[in-house]
Protein backbone atom coordinates (compact mmCIF):
# COMPACT_ATOMS: atom_id res chain seq x y z
CA LYS A 1 -12.44 26.77 -0.55
CA ASP A 2 -9.75 27.11 2.00
CA PRO A 3 -10.43 23.17 3.49
CA VAL A 4 -9.38 24.25 7.02
CA GLU A 5 -12.20 26.93 7.03
CA SER A 6 -14.76 24.14 6.14
CA THR A 7 -13.23 21.46 8.59
CA ILE A 8 -13.05 23.67 11.50
CA SER A 9 -15.60 26.15 13.88
CA PHE A 10 -14.64 28.28 16.61
CA VAL A 11 -16.37 28.66 19.67
CA ALA A 12 -15.83 32.12 21.89
CA LEU A 13 -15.48 31.35 25.75
CA PRO A 14 -16.63 34.09 28.33
CA SER A 15 -13.20 33.41 29.69
CA ASP A 16 -10.07 30.89 29.38
CA GLU A 17 -11.12 29.65 32.78
CA MET A 18 -13.98 27.90 31.02
CA LYS A 19 -11.68 25.89 28.97
CA GLY A 20 -11.24 24.20 32.15
CA ARG A 21 -15.01 23.47 32.77
CA ILE A 22 -14.67 21.98 29.30
CA ILE A 23 -12.33 19.71 29.93
CA GLY A 24 -13.71 18.22 33.35
CA ARG A 25 -12.17 16.33 35.80
CA GLU A 26 -9.62 14.00 34.17
CA GLY A 27 -11.28 15.07 30.72
CA ARG A 28 -14.80 13.25 31.41
CA ASN A 29 -16.64 16.33 29.89
CA ILE A 30 -14.53 16.79 27.16
CA ARG A 31 -14.74 13.11 26.14
CA ALA A 32 -18.50 13.55 26.94
CA LEU A 33 -18.64 15.88 23.98
CA GLU A 34 -16.47 14.44 21.50
CA MET A 35 -19.07 11.07 22.22
CA ALA A 36 -22.17 12.81 21.69
CA THR A 37 -21.17 15.21 18.90
CA GLY A 38 -19.27 12.70 16.76
CA ILE A 39 -16.76 15.87 16.21
CA ASP A 40 -12.90 16.63 18.19
CA VAL A 41 -12.68 19.55 20.57
CA ILE A 42 -9.32 21.04 20.25
CA ILE A 43 -8.08 23.51 23.36
CA ASP A 44 -5.34 24.88 22.90
CA ASP A 45 -3.71 28.21 23.04
CA THR A 46 -6.10 30.02 20.96
CA PRO A 47 -7.48 33.09 23.55
CA GLY A 48 -10.84 32.84 24.31
CA ALA A 49 -12.08 30.14 22.06
CA ILE A 50 -11.83 26.58 21.74
CA LEU A 51 -11.70 24.71 18.14
CA LEU A 52 -14.56 22.06 16.68
CA SER A 53 -13.07 20.21 14.03
CA SER A 54 -14.85 17.79 11.57
CA PHE A 55 -16.02 17.06 8.30
CA ASP A 56 -19.11 17.37 8.80
CA PRO A 57 -20.31 20.81 9.10
CA VAL A 58 -23.78 19.64 10.35
CA ARG A 59 -22.47 17.85 13.48
CA ARG A 60 -19.99 20.69 14.22
CA GLU A 61 -22.85 23.14 13.96
CA ILE A 62 -24.67 20.76 16.73
CA ALA A 63 -21.68 21.04 18.67
CA ARG A 64 -21.29 24.54 18.58
CA VAL A 65 -24.83 25.29 19.64
CA SER A 66 -24.65 22.69 22.21
CA ILE A 67 -21.51 23.96 23.80
CA GLN A 68 -23.02 27.72 23.87
CA ARG A 69 -25.93 26.79 25.43
CA LEU A 70 -23.64 24.66 28.11
CA LEU A 71 -21.81 27.91 28.46
CA GLU A 72 -25.02 29.76 29.34
CA ASP A 73 -26.23 27.34 31.60
CA GLY A 74 -23.07 26.80 33.52
CA ARG A 75 -23.99 23.21 34.26
CA ILE A 76 -21.39 21.11 32.44
CA HIS A 77 -21.17 17.56 33.28
CA PRO A 78 -21.54 14.40 31.23
CA ALA A 79 -24.96 13.64 31.81
CA ARG A 80 -26.31 17.43 31.03
CA ILE A 81 -23.85 17.36 27.72
CA GLU A 82 -25.91 14.16 26.31
CA GLU A 83 -29.30 15.69 27.27
CA VAL A 84 -28.50 19.40 25.77
CA VAL A 85 -26.65 17.63 22.68
CA ALA A 86 -30.19 15.50 22.35
CA LYS A 87 -32.06 18.56 22.34
CA VAL A 88 -30.18 20.66 20.06
CA ARG A 89 -30.05 17.42 17.41
CA GLU A 90 -33.94 17.06 17.61
CA GLU A 91 -34.24 20.85 17.06
CA PHE A 92 -31.36 21.17 14.40
CA GLU A 93 -33.68 18.16 12.36
CA THR A 94 -36.66 20.28 12.56
CA LEU A 95 -34.90 23.36 11.44
CA THR A 96 -33.50 21.27 8.57
CA GLU A 97 -36.52 19.64 7.29
CA GLU A 98 -38.28 23.09 7.04
CA THR A 99 -35.37 24.40 5.36
CA GLY A 100 -35.57 21.67 2.59
CA SER A 101 -39.40 21.74 2.26
CA GLN A 102 -39.42 25.91 1.89
CA ALA A 103 -36.65 25.20 -0.85
CA ALA A 104 -38.26 22.54 -2.27
CA PHE A 105 -41.80 24.41 -2.35
CA ALA A 106 -39.82 27.86 -4.01
CA LEU A 107 -38.24 25.30 -6.54
CA GLY A 108 -41.94 24.09 -7.49
CA VAL A 109 -40.98 20.28 -5.83
CA PHE A 110 -44.43 20.07 -3.78
CA ASP A 111 -45.30 16.84 -1.49
CA LEU A 112 -41.70 16.24 -0.64
CA HIS A 113 -41.05 13.21 2.12
CA PRO A 114 -40.32 14.85 5.44
CA ARG A 115 -37.28 12.77 5.57
CA LEU A 116 -35.92 14.07 1.91
CA ALA A 117 -36.85 17.14 3.05
CA ARG A 118 -34.48 17.02 5.72
CA LEU A 119 -31.65 15.75 3.81
CA VAL A 120 -32.31 18.94 1.43
CA GLY A 121 -32.60 21.02 4.12
CA ARG A 122 -28.71 19.41 4.79
CA LEU A 123 -27.67 20.50 1.52
CA LYS A 124 -27.32 24.07 2.95
CA PHE A 125 -24.53 23.26 5.49
CA ARG A 126 -22.40 21.80 2.90
CA ASN A 127 -20.03 22.68 0.08
CA TYR A 128 -18.36 20.24 -2.41
CA LEU A 129 -15.91 21.72 -4.99
CA GLY A 130 -16.32 25.55 -3.41
CA HIS A 131 -20.00 25.39 -4.31
CA ASN A 132 -22.77 25.55 -1.97
CA LEU A 133 -24.59 22.36 -2.40
CA LEU A 134 -28.25 23.78 -1.92
CA GLN A 135 -27.83 26.55 -3.97
CA HIS A 136 -26.00 24.20 -6.44
CA ALA A 137 -29.13 21.89 -6.31
CA GLY A 138 -31.40 24.89 -6.88
CA GLU A 139 -29.39 26.15 -10.01
CA VAL A 140 -29.73 22.64 -11.56
CA VAL A 141 -33.71 22.32 -10.92
CA HIS A 142 -33.95 25.74 -13.32
CA LEU A 143 -31.33 24.75 -15.56
CA ALA A 144 -32.70 21.26 -15.97
CA ALA A 145 -36.48 22.52 -15.96
CA HIS A 146 -35.37 25.26 -19.36
CA ILE A 147 -34.14 22.08 -20.75
CA ALA A 148 -36.84 19.82 -19.99
CA ALA A 149 -39.36 22.74 -21.68
CA GLU A 150 -37.28 22.67 -24.97
CA THR A 151 -36.82 18.83 -25.42
CA GLY A 152 -40.60 17.82 -24.20
CA ALA A 153 -39.27 15.84 -21.01
CA ARG A 154 -41.77 15.88 -18.28
CA GLY A 155 -41.12 18.68 -15.90
CA ASP A 156 -42.22 17.52 -12.71
CA VAL A 157 -39.68 14.33 -12.84
CA VAL A 158 -36.77 16.77 -14.02
CA ARG A 159 -37.42 19.08 -11.08
CA ARG A 160 -37.34 16.45 -8.62
CA ALA A 161 -34.59 14.60 -9.95
CA ALA A 162 -32.65 18.03 -10.01
CA LEU A 163 -33.34 18.69 -6.53
CA LEU A 164 -32.56 15.18 -4.67
CA HIS A 165 -29.61 14.44 -7.14
CA GLU A 166 -27.07 15.45 -4.47
CA ILE A 167 -28.87 14.36 -1.22
CA GLY A 168 -26.26 11.28 -1.15
CA ARG A 169 -23.32 13.56 -0.16
CA VAL A 170 -25.28 14.47 3.12
CA ASP A 171 -27.11 11.24 4.10
CA ASP A 172 -24.94 9.21 7.12
CA THR A 173 -26.49 5.75 6.64
CA GLY A 174 -25.84 4.94 3.41
CA SER A 175 -22.28 4.01 1.08
CA GLY A 176 -21.31 3.93 -2.60
CA HIS A 177 -21.43 6.76 -5.00
CA PRO A 178 -23.60 9.59 -4.15
CA LEU A 179 -25.89 9.51 -6.90
CA VAL A 180 -26.40 5.68 -6.64
CA VAL A 181 -27.55 6.59 -2.54
CA ALA A 182 -29.25 9.42 -3.49
CA ALA A 183 -31.63 7.51 -5.99
CA GLU A 184 -31.67 4.88 -3.35
CA LEU A 185 -33.00 7.40 -0.86
CA ALA A 186 -35.52 8.44 -3.45
CA ALA A 187 -37.21 5.10 -3.47
CA LYS A 188 -37.28 4.22 -0.20
CA PHE A 189 -39.27 7.84 0.85
CA GLY A 190 -41.55 6.97 -2.10
CA GLU A 191 -40.22 9.27 -5.17
CA ARG A 192 -41.30 7.63 -8.50
CA ASP A 193 -39.28 5.03 -10.61
CA GLU A 194 -38.95 7.67 -13.08
CA VAL A 195 -37.50 10.04 -10.43
CA VAL A 196 -35.25 7.22 -9.06
CA LYS A 197 -33.91 6.47 -12.61
CA THR A 198 -33.15 9.76 -13.53
CA ILE A 199 -31.04 10.41 -10.55
CA GLU A 200 -29.65 7.14 -11.19
CA ALA A 201 -28.78 8.31 -14.96
CA LEU A 202 -26.53 10.67 -13.75
CA HIS A 203 -23.25 8.20 -12.94
CA PRO A 204 -21.68 7.63 -16.05
CA ASP A 205 -22.18 3.92 -15.72
CA VAL A 206 -25.90 3.93 -16.16
CA ALA A 207 -27.83 4.24 -19.08
CA PRO A 208 -30.55 6.32 -19.48
CA THR A 209 -34.00 4.87 -19.98
CA ALA A 210 -35.78 8.04 -21.08
CA VAL A 211 -35.20 12.03 -21.99
């Protein structure tokens, strides 16, 4: 995948005059936008559009929706920017949680903690090595479940571990190898020890304790 495509989002403007409104007096509005969303707003010669730059597609999407709402509303000033971004972020977290819960249910994984469901939902907005992570996780669940059936492994454990093994790539709080972070998050939000150990065992330096 083209790296530019995965780090830049475009926001169409009704007119080039809106660029000045987004920048604000002495750059106040653009600074408030960047502070509230954690992304870079690029205003250049691109006609009728501004660019949003960030390696985090979730932040880019929250910023894109926020700017569209501000443009529709017409009130663009720092306090309003903070208010709109906070509202969009709250809605977005609800949406990602629903997406994650639905994906888990479809894959035969039930009673997922809301925080884990939210992280699974975030996989939808992240690509890694050219693959969408939610689609990848779903494929791993299906493949792992078939292998479990052939080897006598516990299908419920395997499904949960397979679904959750990439969530470390979309968590903002953890540090370290994504598999270690994924296992820590699974443990923190109530997954059984067998599931946690199965995720950990995907790391090349961790010896598996079961099939």
